Amino acid sequence: MFFGIYIPFIIVSLAFAFPLAYGFMSVFSGFLTTSASISIPLTISVFNVLFTTLIVFGVFLVTSLLSW
């Protein structure tokens, strides 16, 4: 597949995105707890990570096949 060159970039971007999203969610939850006394249990589970990864690679596969 010609577009296979992009797969390492997708993997690296997902590796950065998941911890970054978890950090933003923690900061947002902490901000809501301290400023408005609202506690929202925001979590990222293994299922969320796997599902997101499958969606990203699924879209990549479909668009690669359609443009090829």
PDB file of N, CA and C in Angstrom:
ATOM      1  N   MET A   1       0.844  -1.172   0.000  1.00  0.00           N
ATOM      2  CA  MET A   1       0.000   0.000   0.000  1.00  0.00           C
ATOM      3  C   MET A   1       0.894   1.241   0.000  1.00  0.00           C
ATOM      4  N   PHE A   2       0.617   2.144  -0.896  1.00  0.00           N
ATOM      5  CA  PHE A   2       1.418   3.353  -1.041  1.00  0.00           C
ATOM      6  C   PHE A   2       1.339   4.239   0.197  1.00  0.00           C
ATOM      7  N   PHE A   3       0.182   4.290   0.829  1.00  0.00           N
ATOM      8  CA  PHE A   3      -0.006   5.174   1.977  1.00  0.00           C
ATOM      9  C   PHE A   3       0.510   4.572   3.278  1.00  0.00           C
ATOM     10  N   GLY A   4       1.169   3.417   3.212  1.00  0.00           N
ATOM     11  CA  GLY A   4       1.723   2.784   4.397  1.00  0.00           C
ATOM     12  C   GLY A   4       2.786   3.612   5.089  1.00  0.00           C
ATOM     13  N   ILE A   5       3.334   4.594   4.383  1.00  0.00           N
ATOM     14  CA  ILE A   5       4.339   5.472   4.982  1.00  0.00           C
ATOM     15  C   ILE A   5       3.750   6.303   6.127  1.00  0.00           C
ATOM     16  N   TYR A   6       2.433   6.488   6.113  1.00  0.00           N
ATOM     17  CA  TYR A   6       1.786   7.313   7.136  1.00  0.00           C
ATOM     18  C   TYR A   6       1.478   6.554   8.417  1.00  0.00           C
ATOM     19  N   ILE A   7       1.546   5.242   8.398  1.00  0.00           N
ATOM     20  CA  ILE A   7       1.183   4.443   9.568  1.00  0.00           C
ATOM     21  C   ILE A   7       2.048   4.764  10.792  1.00  0.00           C
ATOM     22  N   PRO A   8       3.375   4.897  10.680  1.00  0.00           N
ATOM     23  CA  PRO A   8       4.152   5.280  11.873  1.00  0.00           C
ATOM     24  C   PRO A   8       3.754   6.647  12.429  1.00  0.00           C
ATOM     25  N   PHE A   9       3.405   7.588  11.560  1.00  0.00           N
ATOM     26  CA  PHE A   9       2.977   8.901  12.036  1.00  0.00           C
ATOM     27  C   PHE A   9       1.648   8.815  12.780  1.00  0.00           C
ATOM     28  N   ILE A  10       0.760   7.968  12.311  1.00  0.00           N
ATOM     29  CA  ILE A  10      -0.515   7.781  12.995  1.00  0.00           C
ATOM     30  C   ILE A  10      -0.289   7.163  14.371  1.00  0.00           C
ATOM     31  N   ILE A  11       0.587   6.175  14.445  1.00  0.00           N
ATOM     32  CA  ILE A  11       0.872   5.517  15.724  1.00  0.00           C
ATOM     33  C   ILE A  11       1.500   6.497  16.710  1.00  0.00           C
ATOM     34  N   VAL A  12       2.448   7.285  16.249  1.00  0.00           N
ATOM     35  CA  VAL A  12       3.098   8.269  17.127  1.00  0.00           C
ATOM     36  C   VAL A  12       2.097   9.326  17.581  1.00  0.00           C
ATOM     37  N   SER A  13       1.246   9.788  16.674  1.00  0.00           N
ATOM     38  CA  SER A  13       0.275  10.813  17.057  1.00  0.00           C
ATOM     39  C   SER A  13      -0.734  10.272  18.062  1.00  0.00           C
ATOM     40  N   LEU A  14      -1.149   9.022  17.909  1.00  0.00           N
ATOM     41  CA  LEU A  14      -2.044   8.430  18.902  1.00  0.00           C
ATOM     42  C   LEU A  14      -1.333   8.239  20.239  1.00  0.00           C
ATOM     43  N   ALA A  15      -0.059   7.892  20.194  1.00  0.00           N
ATOM     44  CA  ALA A  15       0.709   7.724  21.433  1.00  0.00           C
ATOM     45  C   ALA A  15       0.839   9.044  22.192  1.00  0.00           C
ATOM     46  N   PHE A  16       0.873  10.161  21.480  1.00  0.00           N
ATOM     47  CA  PHE A  16       0.895  11.471  22.134  1.00  0.00           C
ATOM     48  C   PHE A  16      -0.509  11.921  22.532  1.00  0.00           C
ATOM     49  N   ALA A  17      -1.506  11.585  21.728  1.00  0.00           N
ATOM     50  CA  ALA A  17      -2.855  12.100  21.937  1.00  0.00           C
ATOM     51  C   ALA A  17      -3.529  11.520  23.179  1.00  0.00           C
ATOM     52  N   PHE A  18      -3.358  10.236  23.442  1.00  0.00           N
ATOM     53  CA  PHE A  18      -4.055   9.635  24.567  1.00  0.00           C
ATOM     54  C   PHE A  18      -3.586  10.188  25.915  1.00  0.00           C
ATOM     55  N   PRO A  19      -2.286  10.273  26.194  1.00  0.00           N
ATOM     56  CA  PRO A  19      -1.879  10.881  27.467  1.00  0.00           C
ATOM     57  C   PRO A  19      -2.238  12.369  27.551  1.00  0.00           C
ATOM     58  N   LEU A  20      -2.148  13.058  26.437  1.00  0.00           N
ATOM     59  CA  LEU A  20      -2.511  14.475  26.420  1.00  0.00           C
ATOM     60  C   LEU A  20      -3.998  14.654  26.730  1.00  0.00           C
ATOM     61  N   ALA A  21      -4.839  13.826  26.141  1.00  0.00           N
ATOM     62  CA  ALA A  21      -6.277  13.889  26.413  1.00  0.00           C
ATOM     63  C   ALA A  21      -6.566  13.552  27.872  1.00  0.00           C
ATOM     64  N   TYR A  22      -5.874  12.561  28.408  1.00  0.00           N
ATOM     65  CA  TYR A  22      -6.063  12.208  29.815  1.00  0.00           C
ATOM     66  C   TYR A  22      -5.656  13.367  30.729  1.00  0.00           C
ATOM     67  N   GLY A  23      -4.558  14.031  30.393  1.00  0.00           N
ATOM     68  CA  GLY A  23      -4.121  15.184  31.179  1.00  0.00           C
ATOM     69  C   GLY A  23      -5.115  16.329  31.124  1.00  0.00           C
ATOM     70  N   PHE A  24      -5.622  16.638  29.929  1.00  0.00           N
ATOM     71  CA  PHE A  24      -6.620  17.699  29.802  1.00  0.00           C
ATOM     72  C   PHE A  24      -7.898  17.357  30.567  1.00  0.00           C
ATOM     73  N   MET A  25      -8.294  16.094  30.515  1.00  0.00           N
ATOM     74  CA  MET A  25      -9.490  15.685  31.249  1.00  0.00           C
ATOM     75  C   MET A  25      -9.281  15.808  32.755  1.00  0.00           C
ATOM     76  N   SER A  26      -8.100  15.492  33.234  1.00  0.00           N
ATOM     77  CA  SER A  26      -7.804  15.618  34.663  1.00  0.00           C
ATOM     78  C   SER A  26      -7.812  17.073  35.098  1.00  0.00           C
ATOM     79  N   VAL A  27      -7.206  17.935  34.292  1.00  0.00           N
ATOM     80  CA  VAL A  27      -7.186  19.366  34.611  1.00  0.00           C
ATOM     81  C   VAL A  27      -8.602  19.931  34.594  1.00  0.00           C
ATOM     82  N   PHE A  28      -9.389  19.570  33.589  1.00  0.00           N
ATOM     83  CA  PHE A  28     -10.760  20.058  33.481  1.00  0.00           C
ATOM     84  C   PHE A  28     -11.608  19.584  34.654  1.00  0.00           C
ATOM     85  N   SER A  29     -11.463  18.319  35.018  1.00  0.00           N
ATOM     86  CA  SER A  29     -12.210  17.778  36.147  1.00  0.00           C
ATOM     87  C   SER A  29     -11.803  18.466  37.449  1.00  0.00           C
ATOM     88  N   GLY A  30     -10.507  18.682  37.626  1.00  0.00           N
ATOM     89  CA  GLY A  30     -10.037  19.393  38.814  1.00  0.00           C
ATOM     90  C   GLY A  30     -10.526  20.824  38.863  1.00  0.00           C
ATOM     91  N   PHE A  31     -10.557  21.493  37.716  1.00  0.00           N
ATOM     92  CA  PHE A  31     -11.059  22.865  37.646  1.00  0.00           C
ATOM     93  C   PHE A  31     -12.536  22.925  38.021  1.00  0.00           C
ATOM     94  N   LEU A  32     -13.322  22.001  37.497  1.00  0.00           N
ATOM     95  CA  LEU A  32     -14.746  21.990  37.833  1.00  0.00           C
ATOM     96  C   LEU A  32     -14.973  21.680  39.307  1.00  0.00           C
ATOM     97  N   THR A  33     -14.166  20.799  39.853  1.00  0.00           N
ATOM     98  CA  THR A  33     -14.324  20.439  41.258  1.00  0.00           C
ATOM     99  C   THR A  33     -14.009  21.617  42.169  1.00  0.00           C
ATOM    100  N   THR A  34     -12.956  22.362  41.869  1.00  0.00           N
ATOM    101  CA  THR A  34     -12.573  23.472  42.742  1.00  0.00           C
ATOM    102  C   THR A  34     -13.404  24.727  42.508  1.00  0.00           C
ATOM    103  N   SER A  35     -13.750  25.023  41.277  1.00  0.00           N
ATOM    104  CA  SER A  35     -14.431  26.290  41.009  1.00  0.00           C
ATOM    105  C   SER A  35     -15.942  26.206  41.167  1.00  0.00           C
ATOM    106  N   ALA A  36     -16.545  25.099  40.783  1.00  0.00           N
ATOM    107  CA  ALA A  36     -18.005  25.022  40.802  1.00  0.00           C
ATOM    108  C   ALA A  36     -18.530  23.898  41.696  1.00  0.00           C
ATOM    109  N   SER A  37     -17.655  23.229  42.394  1.00  0.00           N
ATOM    110  CA  SER A  37     -18.023  22.095  43.249  1.00  0.00           C
ATOM    111  C   SER A  37     -18.818  21.039  42.483  1.00  0.00           C
ATOM    112  N   ILE A  38     -18.420  20.823  41.246  1.00  0.00           N
ATOM    113  CA  ILE A  38     -19.042  19.799  40.412  1.00  0.00           C
ATOM    114  C   ILE A  38     -17.984  18.729  40.142  1.00  0.00           C
ATOM    115  N   SER A  39     -18.337  17.512  40.447  1.00  0.00           N
ATOM    116  CA  SER A  39     -17.413  16.410  40.204  1.00  0.00           C
ATOM    117  C   SER A  39     -17.935  15.549  39.057  1.00  0.00           C
ATOM    118  N   ILE A  40     -17.163  15.461  37.991  1.00  0.00           N
ATOM    119  CA  ILE A  40     -17.525  14.650  36.837  1.00  0.00           C
ATOM    120  C   ILE A  40     -16.489  13.534  36.716  1.00  0.00           C
ATOM    121  N   PRO A  41     -16.921  12.292  36.841  1.00  0.00           N
ATOM    122  CA  PRO A  41     -15.964  11.181  36.729  1.00  0.00           C
ATOM    123  C   PRO A  41     -15.593  10.908  35.272  1.00  0.00           C
ATOM    124  N   LEU A  42     -14.555  11.552  34.801  1.00  0.00           N
ATOM    125  CA  LEU A  42     -14.089  11.374  33.432  1.00  0.00           C
ATOM    126  C   LEU A  42     -12.966  10.351  33.425  1.00  0.00           C
ATOM    127  N   THR A  43     -13.122   9.321  32.626  1.00  0.00           N
ATOM    128  CA  THR A  43     -12.096   8.281  32.557  1.00  0.00           C
ATOM    129  C   THR A  43     -11.845   7.880  31.108  1.00  0.00           C
ATOM    130  N   ILE A  44     -10.663   7.377  30.873  1.00  0.00           N
ATOM    131  CA  ILE A  44     -10.323   6.770  29.591  1.00  0.00           C
ATOM    132  C   ILE A  44      -9.958   5.320  29.890  1.00  0.00           C
ATOM    133  N   SER A  45     -10.728   4.411  29.343  1.00  0.00           N
ATOM    134  CA  SER A  45     -10.474   2.991  29.586  1.00  0.00           C
ATOM    135  C   SER A  45      -9.708   2.384  28.413  1.00  0.00           C
ATOM    136  N   VAL A  46      -9.283   1.162  28.596  1.00  0.00           N
ATOM    137  CA  VAL A  46      -8.586   0.444  27.533  1.00  0.00           C
ATOM    138  C   VAL A  46      -9.517   0.266  26.335  1.00  0.00           C
ATOM    139  N   PHE A  47     -10.807   0.058  26.606  1.00  0.00           N
ATOM    140  CA  PHE A  47     -11.788  -0.071  25.532  1.00  0.00           C
ATOM    141  C   PHE A  47     -11.836   1.203  24.692  1.00  0.00           C
ATOM    142  N   ASN A  48     -11.822   2.373  25.334  1.00  0.00           N
ATOM    143  CA  ASN A  48     -11.832   3.637  24.596  1.00  0.00           C
ATOM    144  C   ASN A  48     -10.606   3.774  23.705  1.00  0.00           C
ATOM    145  N   VAL A  49      -9.457   3.404  24.220  1.00  0.00           N
ATOM    146  CA  VAL A  49      -8.213   3.510  23.452  1.00  0.00           C
ATOM    147  C   VAL A  49      -8.251   2.567  22.247  1.00  0.00           C
ATOM    148  N   LEU A  50      -8.657   1.326  22.468  1.00  0.00           N
ATOM    149  CA  LEU A  50      -8.719   0.361  21.367  1.00  0.00           C
ATOM    150  C   LEU A  50      -9.764   0.754  20.327  1.00  0.00           C
ATOM    151  N   PHE A  51     -10.926   1.207  20.780  1.00  0.00           N
ATOM    152  CA  PHE A  51     -11.981   1.607  19.860  1.00  0.00           C
ATOM    153  C   PHE A  51     -11.552   2.804  19.020  1.00  0.00           C
ATOM    154  N   THR A  52     -10.925   3.787  19.646  1.00  0.00           N
ATOM    155  CA  THR A  52     -10.445   4.961  18.914  1.00  0.00           C
ATOM    156  C   THR A  52      -9.377   4.572  17.902  1.00  0.00           C
ATOM    157  N   THR A  53      -8.454   3.714  18.306  1.00  0.00           N
ATOM    158  CA  THR A  53      -7.403   3.264  17.394  1.00  0.00           C
ATOM    159  C   THR A  53      -7.991   2.512  16.203  1.00  0.00           C
ATOM    160  N   LEU A  54      -8.968   1.657  16.461  1.00  0.00           N
ATOM    161  CA  LEU A  54      -9.616   0.929  15.363  1.00  0.00           C
ATOM    162  C   LEU A  54     -10.353   1.875  14.416  1.00  0.00           C
ATOM    163  N   ILE A  55     -11.011   2.874  14.950  1.00  0.00           N
ATOM    164  CA  ILE A  55     -11.713   3.849  14.107  1.00  0.00           C
ATOM    165  C   ILE A  55     -10.722   4.620  13.246  1.00  0.00           C
ATOM    166  N   VAL A  56      -9.630   5.086  13.840  1.00  0.00           N
ATOM    167  CA  VAL A  56      -8.635   5.857  13.084  1.00  0.00           C
ATOM    168  C   VAL A  56      -8.046   5.012  11.960  1.00  0.00           C
ATOM    169  N   PHE A  57      -7.647   3.783  12.272  1.00  0.00           N
ATOM    170  CA  PHE A  57      -7.071   2.933  11.230  1.00  0.00           C
ATOM    171  C   PHE A  57      -8.123   2.476  10.221  1.00  0.00           C
ATOM    172  N   GLY A  58      -9.374   2.330  10.653  1.00  0.00           N
ATOM    173  CA  GLY A  58     -10.440   1.991   9.719  1.00  0.00           C
ATOM    174  C   GLY A  58     -10.691   3.096   8.708  1.00  0.00           C
ATOM    175  N   VAL A  59     -10.736   4.332   9.188  1.00  0.00           N
ATOM    176  CA  VAL A  59     -10.912   5.475   8.283  1.00  0.00           C
ATOM    177  C   VAL A  59      -9.713   5.590   7.353  1.00  0.00           C
ATOM    178  N   PHE A  60      -8.520   5.382   7.885  1.00  0.00           N
ATOM    179  CA  PHE A  60      -7.315   5.424   7.057  1.00  0.00           C
ATOM    180  C   PHE A  60      -7.365   4.357   5.968  1.00  0.00           C
ATOM    181  N   LEU A  61      -7.779   3.155   6.330  1.00  0.00           N
ATOM    182  CA  LEU A  61      -7.853   2.070   5.355  1.00  0.00           C
ATOM    183  C   LEU A  61      -8.887   2.358   4.263  1.00  0.00           C
ATOM    184  N   VAL A  62     -10.052   2.831   4.661  1.00  0.00           N
ATOM    185  CA  VAL A  62     -11.106   3.123   3.682  1.00  0.00           C
ATOM    186  C   VAL A  62     -10.683   4.240   2.739  1.00  0.00           C
ATOM    187  N   THR A  63     -10.134   5.315   3.277  1.00  0.00           N
ATOM    188  CA  THR A  63      -9.721   6.424   2.407  1.00  0.00           C
ATOM    189  C   THR A  63      -8.544   6.037   1.524  1.00  0.00           C
ATOM    190  N   SER A  64      -7.654   5.188   2.034  1.00  0.00           N
ATOM    191  CA  SER A  64      -6.535   4.724   1.205  1.00  0.00           C
ATOM    192  C   SER A  64      -7.029   3.881   0.039  1.00  0.00           C
ATOM    193  N   LEU A  65      -7.971   3.006   0.312  1.00  0.00           N
ATOM    194  CA  LEU A  65      -8.503   2.156  -0.751  1.00  0.00           C
ATOM    195  C   LEU A  65      -9.328   2.955  -1.759  1.00  0.00           C
ATOM    196  N   LEU A  66     -10.064   3.944  -1.284  1.00  0.00           N
ATOM    197  CA  LEU A  66     -10.872   4.756  -2.201  1.00  0.00           C
ATOM    198  C   LEU A  66     -10.016   5.645  -3.096  1.00  0.00           C
ATOM    199  N   SER A  67      -8.900   6.118  -2.571  1.00  0.00           N
ATOM    200  CA  SER A  67      -8.068   7.018  -3.373  1.00  0.00           C
ATOM    201  C   SER A  67      -7.057   6.262  -4.236  1.00  0.00           C
ATOM    202  N   TRP A  68      -6.903   4.988  -4.003  1.00  0.00           N
ATOM    203  CA  TRP A  68      -5.940   4.201  -4.754  1.00  0.00           C
ATOM    204  C   TRP A  68      -6.592   3.735  -5.974  1.00  0.00           C
TER     205      TRP A  68
END
